[in-house]
Amino acid sequence: MTNCFFDLVDLNGDGKIGQAEFQQMFDSVVGVPGEDCAAVFAALDRDGSGALDRAEFHQAVTEFFYGNDPNAPANHLFGRVVG
C-alpha cells in the first residue's frame, strides 16, 4: 500500500517525492499549512537530498502508524500535533 501511495504522490514519476509534490498531496488530503508541511518534509528527508525516496517515505509511514517513539519525525505526518 505504501508503494501505491508513493506512486500517487510522485506526480512527475521520477522516483522521488519533492517538497512541492509533498505539499500538493497534503493540501489535497488534509490541508496541512505550508510552513508545517515544509517542517515535516525537512524532518522526513533524512539524507538532506531535497526529496523523499521510497525508503524515507516508507519509514515515515511506518513510524506514523506503527511507531511508539514520541519524538519520531513522522509523528506530524498529517499536521503538527499540539497538546
C-alpha atoms as a PDB file:
ATOM      1  CA  MET A   1       0.000   0.000   0.000  1.00  0.00           C
ATOM      2  CA  THR A   2       2.812   2.434   0.823  1.00  0.00           C
ATOM      3  CA  ASN A   3       4.284   1.970  -2.659  1.00  0.00           C
ATOM      4  CA  CYS A   4       0.922   2.733  -4.272  1.00  0.00           C
ATOM      5  CA  PHE A   5       0.567   5.914  -2.242  1.00  0.00           C
ATOM      6  CA  PHE A   6       4.159   6.869  -3.082  1.00  0.00           C
ATOM      7  CA  ASP A   7       3.380   6.446  -6.789  1.00  0.00           C
ATOM      8  CA  LEU A   8       0.300   8.656  -6.473  1.00  0.00           C
ATOM      9  CA  VAL A   9       2.292  11.424  -4.802  1.00  0.00           C
ATOM     10  CA  ASP A  10       5.261  11.175  -7.196  1.00  0.00           C
ATOM     11  CA  LEU A  11       3.430  13.265  -9.788  1.00  0.00           C
ATOM     12  CA  ASN A  12       6.311  13.534 -12.256  1.00  0.00           C
ATOM     13  CA  GLY A  13       7.256   9.849 -11.951  1.00  0.00           C
ATOM     14  CA  ASP A  14      10.925  10.467 -11.166  1.00  0.00           C
ATOM     15  CA  GLY A  15      11.020   8.013  -8.273  1.00  0.00           C
ATOM     16  CA  LYS A  16      11.225  10.777  -5.640  1.00  0.00           C
ATOM     17  CA  ILE A  17       8.764  12.993  -3.842  1.00  0.00           C
ATOM     18  CA  GLY A  18       9.863  16.602  -3.956  1.00  0.00           C
ATOM     19  CA  GLN A  19       8.656  19.217  -1.495  1.00  0.00           C
ATOM     20  CA  ALA A  20       6.149  20.661  -3.998  1.00  0.00           C
ATOM     21  CA  GLU A  21       4.641  17.196  -4.596  1.00  0.00           C
ATOM     22  CA  PHE A  22       4.552  16.574  -0.844  1.00  0.00           C
ATOM     23  CA  GLN A  23       2.820  19.918  -0.242  1.00  0.00           C
ATOM     24  CA  GLN A  24       0.291  19.310  -3.014  1.00  0.00           C
ATOM     25  CA  MET A  25      -0.578  15.911  -1.570  1.00  0.00           C
ATOM     26  CA  PHE A  26      -1.163  17.269   1.904  1.00  0.00           C
ATOM     27  CA  ASP A  27      -3.076  20.307   0.643  1.00  0.00           C
ATOM     28  CA  SER A  28      -5.389  17.900  -1.173  1.00  0.00           C
ATOM     29  CA  VAL A  29      -5.751  15.351   1.612  1.00  0.00           C
ATOM     30  CA  VAL A  30      -5.675  17.153   4.938  1.00  0.00           C
ATOM     31  CA  GLY A  31      -4.894  20.833   4.362  1.00  0.00           C
ATOM     32  CA  VAL A  32      -1.657  20.987   6.358  1.00  0.00           C
ATOM     33  CA  PRO A  33      -0.415  24.620   6.426  1.00  0.00           C
ATOM     34  CA  GLY A  34       2.598  25.297   4.202  1.00  0.00           C
ATOM     35  CA  GLU A  35       5.025  26.087   7.000  1.00  0.00           C
ATOM     36  CA  ASP A  36       4.073  22.911   8.890  1.00  0.00           C
ATOM     37  CA  CYS A  37       4.339  20.845   5.725  1.00  0.00           C
ATOM     38  CA  ALA A  38       7.810  22.260   4.982  1.00  0.00           C
ATOM     39  CA  ALA A  39       8.991  21.425   8.503  1.00  0.00           C
ATOM     40  CA  VAL A  40       7.640  17.872   8.299  1.00  0.00           C
ATOM     41  CA  PHE A  41       9.179  17.387   4.859  1.00  0.00           C
ATOM     42  CA  ALA A  42      12.577  18.569   6.100  1.00  0.00           C
ATOM     43  CA  ALA A  43      12.421  16.171   9.058  1.00  0.00           C
ATOM     44  CA  LEU A  44      11.438  13.234   6.855  1.00  0.00           C
ATOM     45  CA  ASP A  45      14.170  13.976   4.302  1.00  0.00           C
ATOM     46  CA  ARG A  46      16.733  12.225   6.472  1.00  0.00           C
ATOM     47  CA  ASP A  47      19.538  12.317   3.923  1.00  0.00           C
ATOM     48  CA  GLY A  48      19.005  16.015   3.122  1.00  0.00           C
ATOM     49  CA  SER A  49      18.648  15.357  -0.603  1.00  0.00           C
ATOM     50  CA  GLY A  50      15.663  17.666  -1.044  1.00  0.00           C
ATOM     51  CA  ALA A  51      13.389  14.748  -1.911  1.00  0.00           C
ATOM     52  CA  LEU A  52      11.917  11.678  -0.267  1.00  0.00           C
ATOM     53  CA  ASP A  53      12.872   8.368  -1.782  1.00  0.00           C
ATOM     54  CA  ARG A  54      10.798   5.236  -1.272  1.00  0.00           C
ATOM     55  CA  ALA A  55      12.794   4.180   1.779  1.00  0.00           C
ATOM     56  CA  GLU A  56      12.331   7.544   3.537  1.00  0.00           C
ATOM     57  CA  PHE A  57       8.631   7.604   2.685  1.00  0.00           C
ATOM     58  CA  HIS A  58       8.128   4.024   3.831  1.00  0.00           C
ATOM     59  CA  GLN A  59       9.956   4.773   7.089  1.00  0.00           C
ATOM     60  CA  ALA A  60       7.736   7.799   7.703  1.00  0.00           C
ATOM     61  CA  VAL A  61       4.521   5.863   7.141  1.00  0.00           C
ATOM     62  CA  THR A  62       5.758   3.004   9.330  1.00  0.00           C
ATOM     63  CA  GLU A  63       6.755   5.405  12.133  1.00  0.00           C
ATOM     64  CA  PHE A  64       3.431   7.207  11.959  1.00  0.00           C
ATOM     65  CA  PHE A  65       1.176   4.162  12.014  1.00  0.00           C
ATOM     66  CA  TYR A  66       3.242   1.651  13.984  1.00  0.00           C
ATOM     67  CA  GLY A  67       5.892   3.550  15.909  1.00  0.00           C
ATOM     68  CA  ASN A  68       5.959   4.285  19.596  1.00  0.00           C
ATOM     69  CA  ASP A  69       8.699   6.944  19.663  1.00  0.00           C
ATOM     70  CA  PRO A  70       7.093  10.246  20.733  1.00  0.00           C
ATOM     71  CA  ASN A  71       9.970  12.150  19.085  1.00  0.00           C
ATOM     72  CA  ALA A  72       9.834  10.443  15.673  1.00  0.00           C
ATOM     73  CA  PRO A  73       9.764  12.966  12.803  1.00  0.00           C
ATOM     74  CA  ALA A  74       6.781  11.223  11.226  1.00  0.00           C
ATOM     75  CA  ASN A  75       4.512  11.915  14.210  1.00  0.00           C
ATOM     76  CA  HIS A  76       3.437  15.114  12.458  1.00  0.00           C
ATOM     77  CA  LEU A  77       2.988  13.485   9.050  1.00  0.00           C
ATOM     78  CA  PHE A  78      -0.575  14.772   8.742  1.00  0.00           C
ATOM     79  CA  GLY A  79      -0.022  18.074  10.515  1.00  0.00           C
ATOM     80  CA  ARG A  80       1.518  19.371  13.679  1.00  0.00           C
ATOM     81  CA  VAL A  81       0.047  17.919  16.837  1.00  0.00           C
ATOM     82  CA  VAL A  82      -0.157  20.351  19.714  1.00  0.00           C
ATOM     83  CA  GLY A  83      -1.116  19.374  23.203  1.00  0.00           C
END
